[in-house]
Amino acid sequence: MPCRVLGAQGLRNDFYSNLITWSKSTGKVAVGLGCNVYMWAKNKGSLSLDLPDQEFISCVSFSDGDLILVATKSGRISLFSQESLSLLDEYFNVGDGCSACCITWFPNSTTKFAVGVERGEVYIFEIAEDFSIVLLTQFKSNQQQVCGIAITDDSKQMSIGGNDNCCTIWDLEDQLNPKLKYFLPHQAAVKAIAYCPWSKSILATGGGSRDRTIRFWHTNSGTLLDSIKTSGQITSLTWSRSKKQIAATFGFTGVKSPTMVSVYSYPKLNEVTQVEGSAYARVLSAALSPDASSICVASNDEAIRFFKIWDPSERTILENHDNGLFGSDLIEMSEGISIIGGTIR
């Protein structure tokens, strides 16, 4: 059961939007509702941002600090302070006016972020000392709309999912000149993308309605490690930081057994927990809590639900090198995992 439910009247039923974000620094949740953005905090209620124009919101994203970005269907990006609610800067016409679909901040940075747009391009920006938004570089990542972006904790690799049924992996050693490494094929749009926090060369990707499969990849070789077929359109993937588990949220699922959230073990891929939904409930996107124990999900019934999945008091897994994690002796050897064999006589 959800531990809290918020009404979200005006939430657009759109798979390609990313309309919810959870601040690591303040615990506030921001939601894009129609042409407005509201920020909610426990015991404090909600406040709205004073947006410059009435445009449909397509994505919102908190930095690890005070900042929040708001992007629109026309490609406008606005930068706000979540503390003062003041508008700091605007960047116009990302992708010549096409929709900005997703925003991802670089880990351990409060100034650099990537934006994926409707035309299949990714823009990398940096925020200057005067809070102006500066374009660093742009590149074509997919043949159709960008649906999701994930970046490794060391900021050396980026994975980009698109509506062309493909996820691409890029080398970011030179962030001004990203280099394509691998194409990861699917059978539907790829919105859900997540790097494993305790084994950084494992990437999980989830496909849309015609795919409904979570795939696990070795990012240093582009090898498919394993996959699991699910009952629904996968709209987000969230790894646990304290357990070897991953949570998936679903859009369209079967009417007979509708599911909003499922948690799977890794690498065995056993289903650990399942959250049932109503027959026509559809999770559109999700965000992880600051303590990495809960997720809040935005659904098409105009509601935001909070689910506590993991224990926040459990110790964070810093790095895991267990045998069998990659399902391949060769890959495990390349990752420095020792294989215990028999005795030579």
C-alpha atoms as a PDB file:
ATOM      1  CA  MET A   1       0.000   0.000   0.000  1.00  0.00           C
ATOM      2  CA  PRO A   2       1.198   3.557  -0.613  1.00  0.00           C
ATOM      3  CA  CYS A   3       2.289   5.397   2.522  1.00  0.00           C
ATOM      4  CA  ARG A   4       0.948   8.673   1.086  1.00  0.00           C
ATOM      5  CA  VAL A   5      -1.210   9.767  -1.867  1.00  0.00           C
ATOM      6  CA  LEU A   6      -1.372  13.298  -3.312  1.00  0.00           C
ATOM      7  CA  GLY A   7      -3.908  14.597  -5.791  1.00  0.00           C
ATOM      8  CA  ALA A   8      -2.358  15.822  -9.043  1.00  0.00           C
ATOM      9  CA  GLN A   9      -5.135  17.325 -11.124  1.00  0.00           C
ATOM     10  CA  GLY A  10      -3.949  18.185 -14.617  1.00  0.00           C
ATOM     11  CA  LEU A  11      -1.183  15.563 -14.785  1.00  0.00           C
ATOM     12  CA  ARG A  12      -0.798  14.692 -18.470  1.00  0.00           C
ATOM     13  CA  ASN A  13      -1.166  11.053 -19.480  1.00  0.00           C
ATOM     14  CA  ASP A  14       2.035  11.050 -21.551  1.00  0.00           C
ATOM     15  CA  PHE A  15       4.636   8.258 -21.588  1.00  0.00           C
ATOM     16  CA  TYR A  16       7.232  10.605 -23.099  1.00  0.00           C
ATOM     17  CA  SER A  17       7.090  13.271 -20.380  1.00  0.00           C
ATOM     18  CA  ASN A  18       9.048  13.194 -17.113  1.00  0.00           C
ATOM     19  CA  LEU A  19       6.907  15.241 -14.763  1.00  0.00           C
ATOM     20  CA  ILE A  20       8.095  14.307 -11.264  1.00  0.00           C
ATOM     21  CA  THR A  21      11.357  14.856  -9.364  1.00  0.00           C
ATOM     22  CA  TRP A  22      12.459  14.503  -5.712  1.00  0.00           C
ATOM     23  CA  SER A  23      15.068  16.857  -4.218  1.00  0.00           C
ATOM     24  CA  LYS A  24      18.030  15.236  -2.457  1.00  0.00           C
ATOM     25  CA  SER A  25      18.844  18.431  -0.562  1.00  0.00           C
ATOM     26  CA  THR A  26      15.411  19.495   0.735  1.00  0.00           C
ATOM     27  CA  GLY A  27      13.117  16.460   0.322  1.00  0.00           C
ATOM     28  CA  LYS A  28      10.671  18.480  -1.778  1.00  0.00           C
ATOM     29  CA  VAL A  29       8.767  16.835  -4.611  1.00  0.00           C
ATOM     30  CA  ALA A  30       8.064  18.846  -7.773  1.00  0.00           C
ATOM     31  CA  VAL A  31       5.352  17.892 -10.269  1.00  0.00           C
ATOM     32  CA  GLY A  32       4.485  19.383 -13.646  1.00  0.00           C
ATOM     33  CA  LEU A  33       0.712  19.757 -13.985  1.00  0.00           C
ATOM     34  CA  GLY A  34      -0.403  21.136 -17.329  1.00  0.00           C
ATOM     35  CA  CYS A  35       1.287  24.532 -17.667  1.00  0.00           C
ATOM     36  CA  ASN A  36       2.220  24.752 -13.970  1.00  0.00           C
ATOM     37  CA  VAL A  37       4.829  23.300 -11.611  1.00  0.00           C
ATOM     38  CA  TYR A  38       4.042  22.671  -7.944  1.00  0.00           C
ATOM     39  CA  MET A  39       6.534  21.859  -5.198  1.00  0.00           C
ATOM     40  CA  TRP A  40       5.328  19.860  -2.196  1.00  0.00           C
ATOM     41  CA  ALA A  41       7.072  19.238   1.121  1.00  0.00           C
ATOM     42  CA  LYS A  42       5.929  17.123   4.056  1.00  0.00           C
ATOM     43  CA  ASN A  43       4.226  19.230   6.736  1.00  0.00           C
ATOM     44  CA  LYS A  44       4.611  22.351   4.568  1.00  0.00           C
ATOM     45  CA  GLY A  45       2.063  21.880   1.784  1.00  0.00           C
ATOM     46  CA  SER A  46       2.588  22.961  -1.816  1.00  0.00           C
ATOM     47  CA  LEU A  47       3.832  26.079  -3.599  1.00  0.00           C
ATOM     48  CA  SER A  48       3.772  26.889  -7.302  1.00  0.00           C
ATOM     49  CA  LEU A  49       6.565  28.287  -9.455  1.00  0.00           C
ATOM     50  CA  ASP A  50       5.866  31.545 -11.238  1.00  0.00           C
ATOM     51  CA  LEU A  51       6.455  30.405 -14.826  1.00  0.00           C
ATOM     52  CA  PRO A  52       6.998  33.110 -17.454  1.00  0.00           C
ATOM     53  CA  ASP A  53       4.536  31.736 -20.029  1.00  0.00           C
ATOM     54  CA  GLN A  54       1.654  29.295 -20.211  1.00  0.00           C
ATOM     55  CA  GLU A  55       3.335  26.377 -21.990  1.00  0.00           C
ATOM     56  CA  PHE A  56       2.832  22.656 -21.413  1.00  0.00           C
ATOM     57  CA  ILE A  57       5.487  21.271 -19.073  1.00  0.00           C
ATOM     58  CA  SER A  58       7.383  18.285 -20.475  1.00  0.00           C
ATOM     59  CA  CYS A  59       9.960  17.568 -17.732  1.00  0.00           C
ATOM     60  CA  VAL A  60      11.215  18.781 -14.357  1.00  0.00           C
ATOM     61  CA  SER A  61      14.438  17.953 -12.512  1.00  0.00           C
ATOM     62  CA  PHE A  62      16.078  18.942  -9.197  1.00  0.00           C
ATOM     63  CA  SER A  63      19.836  19.305  -8.912  1.00  0.00           C
ATOM     64  CA  ASP A  64      21.600  17.918  -5.829  1.00  0.00           C
ATOM     65  CA  GLY A  65      21.570  21.497  -4.509  1.00  0.00           C
ATOM     66  CA  ASP A  66      19.097  24.375  -4.629  1.00  0.00           C
ATOM     67  CA  LEU A  67      18.289  24.447  -8.342  1.00  0.00           C
ATOM     68  CA  ILE A  68      15.366  23.072 -10.333  1.00  0.00           C
ATOM     69  CA  LEU A  69      14.997  22.946 -14.116  1.00  0.00           C
ATOM     70  CA  VAL A  70      11.657  23.143 -15.917  1.00  0.00           C
ATOM     71  CA  ALA A  71      11.353  22.351 -19.637  1.00  0.00           C
ATOM     72  CA  THR A  72       8.393  22.738 -21.982  1.00  0.00           C
ATOM     73  CA  LYS A  73       6.947  21.200 -25.131  1.00  0.00           C
ATOM     74  CA  SER A  74       8.297  24.137 -27.141  1.00  0.00           C
ATOM     75  CA  GLY A  75      11.876  23.504 -25.970  1.00  0.00           C
ATOM     76  CA  ARG A  76      12.199  26.291 -23.410  1.00  0.00           C
ATOM     77  CA  ILE A  77      14.319  25.540 -20.319  1.00  0.00           C
ATOM     78  CA  SER A  78      13.845  27.646 -17.176  1.00  0.00           C
ATOM     79  CA  LEU A  79      16.149  27.603 -14.144  1.00  0.00           C
ATOM     80  CA  PHE A  80      14.694  28.329 -10.690  1.00  0.00           C
ATOM     81  CA  SER A  81      15.869  28.460  -7.111  1.00  0.00           C
ATOM     82  CA  GLN A  82      13.742  26.074  -5.067  1.00  0.00           C
ATOM     83  CA  GLU A  83      14.389  28.116  -1.914  1.00  0.00           C
ATOM     84  CA  SER A  84      13.382  31.546  -3.227  1.00  0.00           C
ATOM     85  CA  LEU A  85      11.174  30.240  -6.085  1.00  0.00           C
ATOM     86  CA  SER A  86      12.775  32.940  -8.255  1.00  0.00           C
ATOM     87  CA  LEU A  87      13.498  32.560 -11.965  1.00  0.00           C
ATOM     88  CA  LEU A  88      17.279  32.634 -12.490  1.00  0.00           C
ATOM     89  CA  ASP A  89      17.621  32.175 -16.253  1.00  0.00           C
ATOM     90  CA  GLU A  90      15.961  30.826 -19.400  1.00  0.00           C
ATOM     91  CA  TYR A  91      17.300  29.044 -22.451  1.00  0.00           C
ATOM     92  CA  PHE A  92      15.108  29.217 -25.525  1.00  0.00           C
ATOM     93  CA  ASN A  93      14.390  26.767 -28.311  1.00  0.00           C
ATOM     94  CA  VAL A  94      16.339  23.641 -27.498  1.00  0.00           C
ATOM     95  CA  GLY A  95      16.377  21.675 -30.745  1.00  0.00           C
ATOM     96  CA  ASP A  96      14.912  24.615 -32.691  1.00  0.00           C
ATOM     97  CA  GLY A  97      11.696  24.581 -30.711  1.00  0.00           C
ATOM     98  CA  CYS A  98      11.052  20.831 -30.459  1.00  0.00           C
ATOM     99  CA  SER A  99      10.046  19.360 -27.117  1.00  0.00           C
ATOM    100  CA  ALA A 100      12.574  18.824 -24.330  1.00  0.00           C
ATOM    101  CA  CYS A 101      11.712  15.297 -23.139  1.00  0.00           C
ATOM    102  CA  CYS A 102      14.077  14.505 -20.258  1.00  0.00           C
ATOM    103  CA  ILE A 103      16.703  16.171 -18.073  1.00  0.00           C
ATOM    104  CA  THR A 104      19.504  14.416 -16.176  1.00  0.00           C
ATOM    105  CA  TRP A 105      22.045  16.171 -13.935  1.00  0.00           C
ATOM    106  CA  PHE A 106      25.625  14.938 -13.951  1.00  0.00           C
ATOM    107  CA  PRO A 107      26.368  13.086 -10.682  1.00  0.00           C
ATOM    108  CA  ASN A 108      28.228  15.067  -8.017  1.00  0.00           C
ATOM    109  CA  SER A 109      27.611  18.272  -9.960  1.00  0.00           C
ATOM    110  CA  THR A 110      25.187  21.108  -9.291  1.00  0.00           C
ATOM    111  CA  THR A 111      26.018  22.963 -12.498  1.00  0.00           C
ATOM    112  CA  LYS A 112      26.080  20.493 -15.409  1.00  0.00           C
ATOM    113  CA  PHE A 113      23.128  18.674 -16.981  1.00  0.00           C
ATOM    114  CA  ALA A 114      21.999  16.904 -20.162  1.00  0.00           C
ATOM    115  CA  VAL A 115      18.719  17.407 -22.036  1.00  0.00           C
ATOM    116  CA  GLY A 116      17.198  14.953 -24.507  1.00  0.00           C
ATOM    117  CA  VAL A 117      14.885  16.359 -27.170  1.00  0.00           C
ATOM    118  CA  GLU A 118      12.190  15.194 -29.537  1.00  0.00           C
ATOM    119  CA  ARG A 119      14.472  15.227 -32.564  1.00  0.00           C
ATOM    120  CA  GLY A 120      16.824  12.567 -31.183  1.00  0.00           C
ATOM    121  CA  GLU A 121      19.538  14.919 -29.952  1.00  0.00           C
ATOM    122  CA  VAL A 122      21.190  15.470 -26.578  1.00  0.00           C
ATOM    123  CA  TYR A 123      22.380  18.861 -25.348  1.00  0.00           C
ATOM    124  CA  ILE A 124      24.914  19.253 -22.537  1.00  0.00           C
ATOM    125  CA  PHE A 125      24.721  22.503 -20.560  1.00  0.00           C
ATOM    126  CA  GLU A 126      26.580  24.154 -17.716  1.00  0.00           C
ATOM    127  CA  ILE A 127      25.312  26.820 -15.336  1.00  0.00           C
ATOM    128  CA  ALA A 128      27.697  29.760 -15.018  1.00  0.00           C
ATOM    129  CA  GLU A 129      28.413  31.695 -11.823  1.00  0.00           C
ATOM    130  CA  ASP A 130      25.778  34.286 -12.778  1.00  0.00           C
ATOM    131  CA  PHE A 131      23.249  31.398 -13.216  1.00  0.00           C
ATOM    132  CA  SER A 132      23.139  31.780 -17.000  1.00  0.00           C
ATOM    133  CA  ILE A 133      22.626  28.510 -18.907  1.00  0.00           C
ATOM    134  CA  VAL A 134      25.564  27.878 -21.264  1.00  0.00           C
ATOM    135  CA  LEU A 135      25.482  25.270 -24.066  1.00  0.00           C
ATOM    136  CA  LEU A 136      28.649  23.139 -24.064  1.00  0.00           C
ATOM    137  CA  THR A 137      27.898  20.668 -26.855  1.00  0.00           C
ATOM    138  CA  GLN A 138      25.149  18.810 -28.706  1.00  0.00           C
ATOM    139  CA  PHE A 139      25.085  15.534 -30.610  1.00  0.00           C
ATOM    140  CA  LYS A 140      22.697  13.170 -32.371  1.00  0.00           C
ATOM    141  CA  SER A 141      22.124  10.132 -30.160  1.00  0.00           C
ATOM    142  CA  ASN A 142      19.030   8.444 -31.655  1.00  0.00           C
ATOM    143  CA  GLN A 143      17.012   8.471 -34.855  1.00  0.00           C
ATOM    144  CA  GLN A 144      13.834   9.443 -33.010  1.00  0.00           C
ATOM    145  CA  GLN A 145      12.789  11.132 -29.779  1.00  0.00           C
ATOM    146  CA  VAL A 146      15.059  10.790 -26.728  1.00  0.00           C
ATOM    147  CA  CYS A 147      13.073   9.198 -23.878  1.00  0.00           C
ATOM    148  CA  GLY A 148      15.610   8.737 -21.078  1.00  0.00           C
ATOM    149  CA  ILE A 149      19.213   9.506 -20.085  1.00  0.00           C
ATOM    150  CA  ALA A 150      21.453   7.915 -17.426  1.00  0.00           C
ATOM    151  CA  ILE A 151      25.019   8.891 -16.475  1.00  0.00           C
ATOM    152  CA  THR A 152      27.548   6.868 -14.454  1.00  0.00           C
ATOM    153  CA  ASP A 153      28.631   8.179 -11.055  1.00  0.00           C
ATOM    154  CA  ASP A 154      32.087   9.022 -12.417  1.00  0.00           C
ATOM    155  CA  SER A 155      30.489  10.924 -15.363  1.00  0.00           C
ATOM    156  CA  LYS A 156      32.544   8.952 -17.870  1.00  0.00           C
ATOM    157  CA  GLN A 157      29.649   7.204 -19.628  1.00  0.00           C
ATOM    158  CA  MET A 158      26.138   8.136 -20.721  1.00  0.00           C
ATOM    159  CA  SER A 159      23.312   5.877 -21.889  1.00  0.00           C
ATOM    160  CA  ILE A 160      20.450   7.292 -23.939  1.00  0.00           C
ATOM    161  CA  GLY A 161      17.150   5.599 -24.716  1.00  0.00           C
ATOM    162  CA  GLY A 162      14.972   6.569 -27.653  1.00  0.00           C
ATOM    163  CA  ASN A 163      11.695   6.039 -29.442  1.00  0.00           C
ATOM    164  CA  ASP A 164      13.654   4.268 -32.190  1.00  0.00           C
ATOM    165  CA  ASN A 165      13.674   1.080 -30.038  1.00  0.00           C
ATOM    166  CA  CYS A 166      17.316   1.537 -29.142  1.00  0.00           C
ATOM    167  CA  CYS A 167      19.562   2.552 -26.269  1.00  0.00           C
ATOM    168  CA  THR A 168      22.959   3.986 -27.146  1.00  0.00           C
ATOM    169  CA  ILE A 169      26.034   4.053 -24.879  1.00  0.00           C
ATOM    170  CA  TRP A 170      28.469   6.996 -25.163  1.00  0.00           C
ATOM    171  CA  ASP A 171      32.011   7.517 -23.898  1.00  0.00           C
ATOM    172  CA  LEU A 172      32.221  10.840 -22.017  1.00  0.00           C
ATOM    173  CA  GLU A 173      35.945  10.951 -21.303  1.00  0.00           C
ATOM    174  CA  ASP A 174      35.875  14.101 -23.442  1.00  0.00           C
ATOM    175  CA  GLN A 175      32.499  15.603 -22.548  1.00  0.00           C
ATOM    176  CA  LEU A 176      32.696  18.118 -25.367  1.00  0.00           C
ATOM    177  CA  ASN A 177      33.112  15.304 -27.889  1.00  0.00           C
ATOM    178  CA  PRO A 178      31.093  12.216 -26.816  1.00  0.00           C
ATOM    179  CA  LYS A 179      31.930   9.016 -28.690  1.00  0.00           C
ATOM    180  CA  LEU A 180      29.409   6.300 -29.524  1.00  0.00           C
ATOM    181  CA  LYS A 181      30.326   2.888 -28.074  1.00  0.00           C
ATOM    182  CA  TYR A 182      27.332   0.542 -28.453  1.00  0.00           C
ATOM    183  CA  PHE A 183      23.785   0.163 -29.774  1.00  0.00           C
ATOM    184  CA  LEU A 184      21.530  -1.860 -27.442  1.00  0.00           C
ATOM    185  CA  PRO A 185      18.468  -3.085 -29.394  1.00  0.00           C
ATOM    186  CA  HIS A 186      14.917  -3.387 -28.042  1.00  0.00           C
ATOM    187  CA  GLN A 187      11.469  -3.972 -29.558  1.00  0.00           C
ATOM    188  CA  ALA A 188       9.870  -0.731 -28.333  1.00  0.00           C
ATOM    189  CA  ALA A 189      10.768   2.706 -27.009  1.00  0.00           C
ATOM    190  CA  VAL A 190      13.365   2.804 -24.217  1.00  0.00           C
ATOM    191  CA  LYS A 191      12.537   5.259 -21.435  1.00  0.00           C
ATOM    192  CA  ALA A 192      13.656   3.349 -18.322  1.00  0.00           C
ATOM    193  CA  ILE A 193      17.466   3.372 -17.944  1.00  0.00           C
ATOM    194  CA  ALA A 194      19.511   2.905 -14.751  1.00  0.00           C
ATOM    195  CA  TYR A 195      23.150   2.185 -13.933  1.00  0.00           C
ATOM    196  CA  CYS A 196      23.702  -0.177 -11.010  1.00  0.00           C
ATOM    197  CA  PRO A 197      25.105   1.889  -8.098  1.00  0.00           C
ATOM    198  CA  TRP A 198      27.166  -0.968  -6.629  1.00  0.00           C
ATOM    199  CA  SER A 199      28.437  -2.465  -9.893  1.00  0.00           C
ATOM    200  CA  LYS A 200      28.901   0.429 -12.282  1.00  0.00           C
ATOM    201  CA  SER A 201      29.455  -1.650 -15.432  1.00  0.00           C
ATOM    202  CA  ILE A 202      25.893  -3.066 -15.215  1.00  0.00           C
ATOM    203  CA  LEU A 203      23.120  -1.140 -16.975  1.00  0.00           C
ATOM    204  CA  ALA A 204      19.405  -1.965 -16.795  1.00  0.00           C
ATOM    205  CA  THR A 205      17.073  -0.887 -19.610  1.00  0.00           C
ATOM    206  CA  GLY A 206      13.326  -1.352 -19.980  1.00  0.00           C
ATOM    207  CA  GLY A 207      11.216  -1.456 -23.134  1.00  0.00           C
ATOM    208  CA  GLY A 208       7.783  -0.051 -23.902  1.00  0.00           C
ATOM    209  CA  SER A 209       4.468  -1.743 -24.694  1.00  0.00           C
ATOM    210  CA  ARG A 210       5.666  -4.001 -27.541  1.00  0.00           C
ATOM    211  CA  ASP A 211       8.744  -5.077 -25.600  1.00  0.00           C
ATOM    212  CA  ARG A 212       7.914  -5.235 -21.864  1.00  0.00           C
ATOM    213  CA  THR A 213      11.363  -6.634 -21.073  1.00  0.00           C
ATOM    214  CA  ILE A 214      14.035  -5.535 -18.610  1.00  0.00           C
ATOM    215  CA  ARG A 215      17.503  -6.154 -20.014  1.00  0.00           C
ATOM    216  CA  PHE A 216      20.802  -6.129 -18.145  1.00  0.00           C
ATOM    217  CA  TRP A 217      23.966  -5.163 -20.033  1.00  0.00           C
ATOM    218  CA  HIS A 218      27.709  -5.173 -19.452  1.00  0.00           C
ATOM    219  CA  THR A 219      28.507  -1.609 -20.466  1.00  0.00           C
ATOM    220  CA  ASN A 220      32.219  -2.155 -21.094  1.00  0.00           C
ATOM    221  CA  SER A 221      31.520  -4.701 -23.836  1.00  0.00           C
ATOM    222  CA  GLY A 222      27.888  -4.119 -24.853  1.00  0.00           C
ATOM    223  CA  THR A 223      27.061  -7.717 -23.883  1.00  0.00           C
ATOM    224  CA  LEU A 224      23.509  -8.684 -22.910  1.00  0.00           C
ATOM    225  CA  LEU A 225      23.870 -10.370 -19.509  1.00  0.00           C
ATOM    226  CA  ASP A 226      20.265 -11.368 -18.823  1.00  0.00           C
ATOM    227  CA  SER A 227      16.651 -10.300 -19.296  1.00  0.00           C
ATOM    228  CA  ILE A 228      13.251 -10.765 -17.732  1.00  0.00           C
ATOM    229  CA  LYS A 229       9.857 -10.495 -19.430  1.00  0.00           C
ATOM    230  CA  THR A 230       7.331  -8.426 -17.488  1.00  0.00           C
ATOM    231  CA  SER A 231       3.608  -7.883 -17.720  1.00  0.00           C
ATOM    232  CA  GLY A 232       3.709  -4.218 -18.709  1.00  0.00           C
ATOM    233  CA  GLN A 233       5.205  -1.209 -20.422  1.00  0.00           C
ATOM    234  CA  ILE A 234       8.275  -0.288 -18.344  1.00  0.00           C
ATOM    235  CA  THR A 235       8.314   3.398 -17.400  1.00  0.00           C
ATOM    236  CA  SER A 236      11.124   3.552 -14.826  1.00  0.00           C
ATOM    237  CA  LEU A 237      13.875   1.451 -13.248  1.00  0.00           C
ATOM    238  CA  THR A 238      15.395   2.152  -9.829  1.00  0.00           C
ATOM    239  CA  TRP A 239      18.224   0.165  -8.254  1.00  0.00           C
ATOM    240  CA  SER A 240      18.412  -0.311  -4.497  1.00  0.00           C
ATOM    241  CA  ARG A 241      21.581   1.031  -2.882  1.00  0.00           C
ATOM    242  CA  SER A 242      21.380  -1.346   0.093  1.00  0.00           C
ATOM    243  CA  LYS A 243      20.164  -4.596  -1.508  1.00  0.00           C
ATOM    244  CA  LYS A 244      20.857  -6.406  -4.760  1.00  0.00           C
ATOM    245  CA  GLN A 245      17.419  -5.486  -6.093  1.00  0.00           C
ATOM    246  CA  ILE A 246      15.804  -3.311  -8.740  1.00  0.00           C
ATOM    247  CA  ALA A 247      12.327  -1.748  -8.810  1.00  0.00           C
ATOM    248  CA  ALA A 248      10.348  -1.340 -12.035  1.00  0.00           C
ATOM    249  CA  THR A 249       7.198   0.710 -12.621  1.00  0.00           C
ATOM    250  CA  PHE A 250       4.707  -0.095 -15.339  1.00  0.00           C
ATOM    251  CA  GLY A 251       2.444   1.736 -17.713  1.00  0.00           C
ATOM    252  CA  PHE A 252       0.030  -0.458 -19.639  1.00  0.00           C
ATOM    253  CA  THR A 253      -0.337  -3.925 -18.066  1.00  0.00           C
ATOM    254  CA  GLY A 254      -2.837  -6.725 -18.322  1.00  0.00           C
ATOM    255  CA  VAL A 255      -6.380  -5.940 -17.178  1.00  0.00           C
ATOM    256  CA  LYS A 256      -6.596  -9.260 -15.286  1.00  0.00           C
ATOM    257  CA  SER A 257      -3.486  -8.648 -13.155  1.00  0.00           C
ATOM    258  CA  PRO A 258      -2.600  -4.925 -13.288  1.00  0.00           C
ATOM    259  CA  THR A 259       0.719  -4.046 -11.655  1.00  0.00           C
ATOM    260  CA  MET A 260       2.124  -0.636 -10.711  1.00  0.00           C
ATOM    261  CA  VAL A 261       5.475  -1.641  -9.185  1.00  0.00           C
ATOM    262  CA  SER A 262       7.542  -4.824  -9.048  1.00  0.00           C
ATOM    263  CA  VAL A 263      10.834  -5.406  -7.240  1.00  0.00           C
ATOM    264  CA  TYR A 264      13.248  -8.058  -8.540  1.00  0.00           C
ATOM    265  CA  SER A 265      16.373  -9.588  -7.054  1.00  0.00           C
ATOM    266  CA  TYR A 266      19.610  -9.496  -9.033  1.00  0.00           C
ATOM    267  CA  PRO A 267      21.157 -11.538 -10.563  1.00  0.00           C
ATOM    268  CA  LYS A 268      18.529 -14.274  -9.924  1.00  0.00           C
ATOM    269  CA  LEU A 269      15.669 -12.008 -11.162  1.00  0.00           C
ATOM    270  CA  ASN A 270      13.126 -13.391  -8.720  1.00  0.00           C
ATOM    271  CA  GLU A 271      10.147 -11.144  -8.016  1.00  0.00           C
ATOM    272  CA  VAL A 272      10.427  -9.973  -4.398  1.00  0.00           C
ATOM    273  CA  THR A 273       7.530  -7.514  -4.088  1.00  0.00           C
ATOM    274  CA  GLN A 274       4.577  -6.499  -6.232  1.00  0.00           C
ATOM    275  CA  VAL A 275       2.231  -3.520  -5.940  1.00  0.00           C
ATOM    276  CA  GLU A 276      -1.093  -4.152  -7.609  1.00  0.00           C
ATOM    277  CA  GLY A 277      -3.006  -1.367  -9.332  1.00  0.00           C
ATOM    278  CA  SER A 278      -6.451  -0.804 -10.791  1.00  0.00           C
ATOM    279  CA  ALA A 279      -7.295  -2.175 -14.213  1.00  0.00           C
ATOM    280  CA  TYR A 280      -6.521   1.044 -16.059  1.00  0.00           C
ATOM    281  CA  ALA A 281      -3.938   2.661 -13.766  1.00  0.00           C
ATOM    282  CA  ARG A 282      -0.735   3.561 -15.571  1.00  0.00           C
ATOM    283  CA  VAL A 283       2.490   4.747 -13.936  1.00  0.00           C
ATOM    284  CA  LEU A 284       4.067   7.444 -16.099  1.00  0.00           C
ATOM    285  CA  SER A 285       7.316   8.148 -14.235  1.00  0.00           C
ATOM    286  CA  ALA A 286       8.942   7.787 -10.814  1.00  0.00           C
ATOM    287  CA  ALA A 287      11.531   9.450  -8.574  1.00  0.00           C
ATOM    288  CA  LEU A 288      13.755   8.105  -5.785  1.00  0.00           C
ATOM    289  CA  SER A 289      13.710   9.561  -2.267  1.00  0.00           C
ATOM    290  CA  PRO A 290      16.790  11.315  -0.810  1.00  0.00           C
ATOM    291  CA  ASP A 291      17.482   8.360   1.518  1.00  0.00           C
ATOM    292  CA  ALA A 292      17.039   5.898  -1.381  1.00  0.00           C
ATOM    293  CA  SER A 293      14.352   3.923   0.484  1.00  0.00           C
ATOM    294  CA  SER A 294      11.172   5.052  -1.299  1.00  0.00           C
ATOM    295  CA  ILE A 295       9.834   6.031  -4.694  1.00  0.00           C
ATOM    296  CA  CYS A 296       7.040   8.383  -5.637  1.00  0.00           C
ATOM    297  CA  VAL A 297       5.167   7.562  -8.822  1.00  0.00           C
ATOM    298  CA  ALA A 298       3.010   9.734 -11.045  1.00  0.00           C
ATOM    299  CA  SER A 299       0.063   7.913 -12.603  1.00  0.00           C
ATOM    300  CA  ASN A 300      -2.609   8.636 -15.181  1.00  0.00           C
ATOM    301  CA  ASP A 301      -5.375   8.781 -12.558  1.00  0.00           C
ATOM    302  CA  GLU A 302      -3.933  12.181 -11.535  1.00  0.00           C
ATOM    303  CA  ALA A 303      -2.314  10.933  -8.345  1.00  0.00           C
ATOM    304  CA  ILE A 304       1.172  10.852  -6.834  1.00  0.00           C
ATOM    305  CA  ARG A 305       1.758   7.751  -4.683  1.00  0.00           C
ATOM    306  CA  PHE A 306       4.642   7.183  -2.276  1.00  0.00           C
ATOM    307  CA  PHE A 307       5.871   3.639  -1.687  1.00  0.00           C
ATOM    308  CA  LYS A 308       8.456   2.670   0.911  1.00  0.00           C
ATOM    309  CA  ILE A 309      10.367  -0.258  -0.564  1.00  0.00           C
ATOM    310  CA  TRP A 310      13.715  -0.531   1.243  1.00  0.00           C
ATOM    311  CA  ASP A 311      14.910   0.077   4.807  1.00  0.00           C
ATOM    312  CA  PRO A 312      16.781   3.408   5.012  1.00  0.00           C
ATOM    313  CA  SER A 313      18.807   2.181   8.013  1.00  0.00           C
ATOM    314  CA  GLU A 314      20.474  -0.628   6.054  1.00  0.00           C
ATOM    315  CA  ARG A 315      24.079  -0.085   5.024  1.00  0.00           C
ATOM    316  CA  THR A 316      24.779   1.101   1.502  1.00  0.00           C
ATOM    317  CA  ILE A 317      26.531  -1.385  -0.768  1.00  0.00           C
ATOM    318  CA  LEU A 318      29.626   0.447  -1.971  1.00  0.00           C
ATOM    319  CA  GLU A 319      30.806  -2.098  -4.517  1.00  0.00           C
ATOM    320  CA  ASN A 320      30.002  -5.724  -5.219  1.00  0.00           C
ATOM    321  CA  HIS A 321      32.278  -8.290  -6.828  1.00  0.00           C
ATOM    322  CA  ASP A 322      30.508 -11.571  -6.108  1.00  0.00           C
ATOM    323  CA  ASN A 323      30.957 -14.501  -8.456  1.00  0.00           C
ATOM    324  CA  GLY A 324      27.986 -14.920 -10.784  1.00  0.00           C
ATOM    325  CA  LEU A 325      27.108 -11.224 -10.874  1.00  0.00           C
ATOM    326  CA  PHE A 326      27.729 -11.021 -14.629  1.00  0.00           C
ATOM    327  CA  GLY A 327      26.851 -14.615 -15.564  1.00  0.00           C
ATOM    328  CA  SER A 328      30.044 -14.984 -17.603  1.00  0.00           C
ATOM    329  CA  ASP A 329      33.494 -16.143 -16.518  1.00  0.00           C
ATOM    330  CA  LEU A 330      35.133 -14.028 -19.228  1.00  0.00           C
ATOM    331  CA  ILE A 331      33.320 -10.848 -18.249  1.00  0.00           C
ATOM    332  CA  GLU A 332      33.961 -11.468 -14.558  1.00  0.00           C
ATOM    333  CA  MET A 333      37.673 -11.921 -15.285  1.00  0.00           C
ATOM    334  CA  SER A 334      37.669  -8.628 -17.199  1.00  0.00           C
ATOM    335  CA  GLU A 335      36.048  -6.988 -14.153  1.00  0.00           C
ATOM    336  CA  GLY A 336      38.709  -8.376 -11.831  1.00  0.00           C
ATOM    337  CA  ILE A 337      36.478 -10.953 -10.145  1.00  0.00           C
ATOM    338  CA  SER A 338      38.450 -14.012  -9.076  1.00  0.00           C
ATOM    339  CA  ILE A 339      37.132 -17.404 -10.115  1.00  0.00           C
ATOM    340  CA  ILE A 340      37.716 -20.159  -7.532  1.00  0.00           C
ATOM    341  CA  GLY A 341      38.498 -23.383  -9.360  1.00  0.00           C
ATOM    342  CA  GLY A 342      39.577 -26.917  -8.452  1.00  0.00           C
ATOM    343  CA  THR A 343      42.926 -28.067  -7.134  1.00  0.00           C
ATOM    344  CA  ILE A 344      45.719 -28.769  -9.623  1.00  0.00           C
ATOM    345  CA  ARG A 345      47.619 -31.979  -8.760  1.00  0.00           C
END
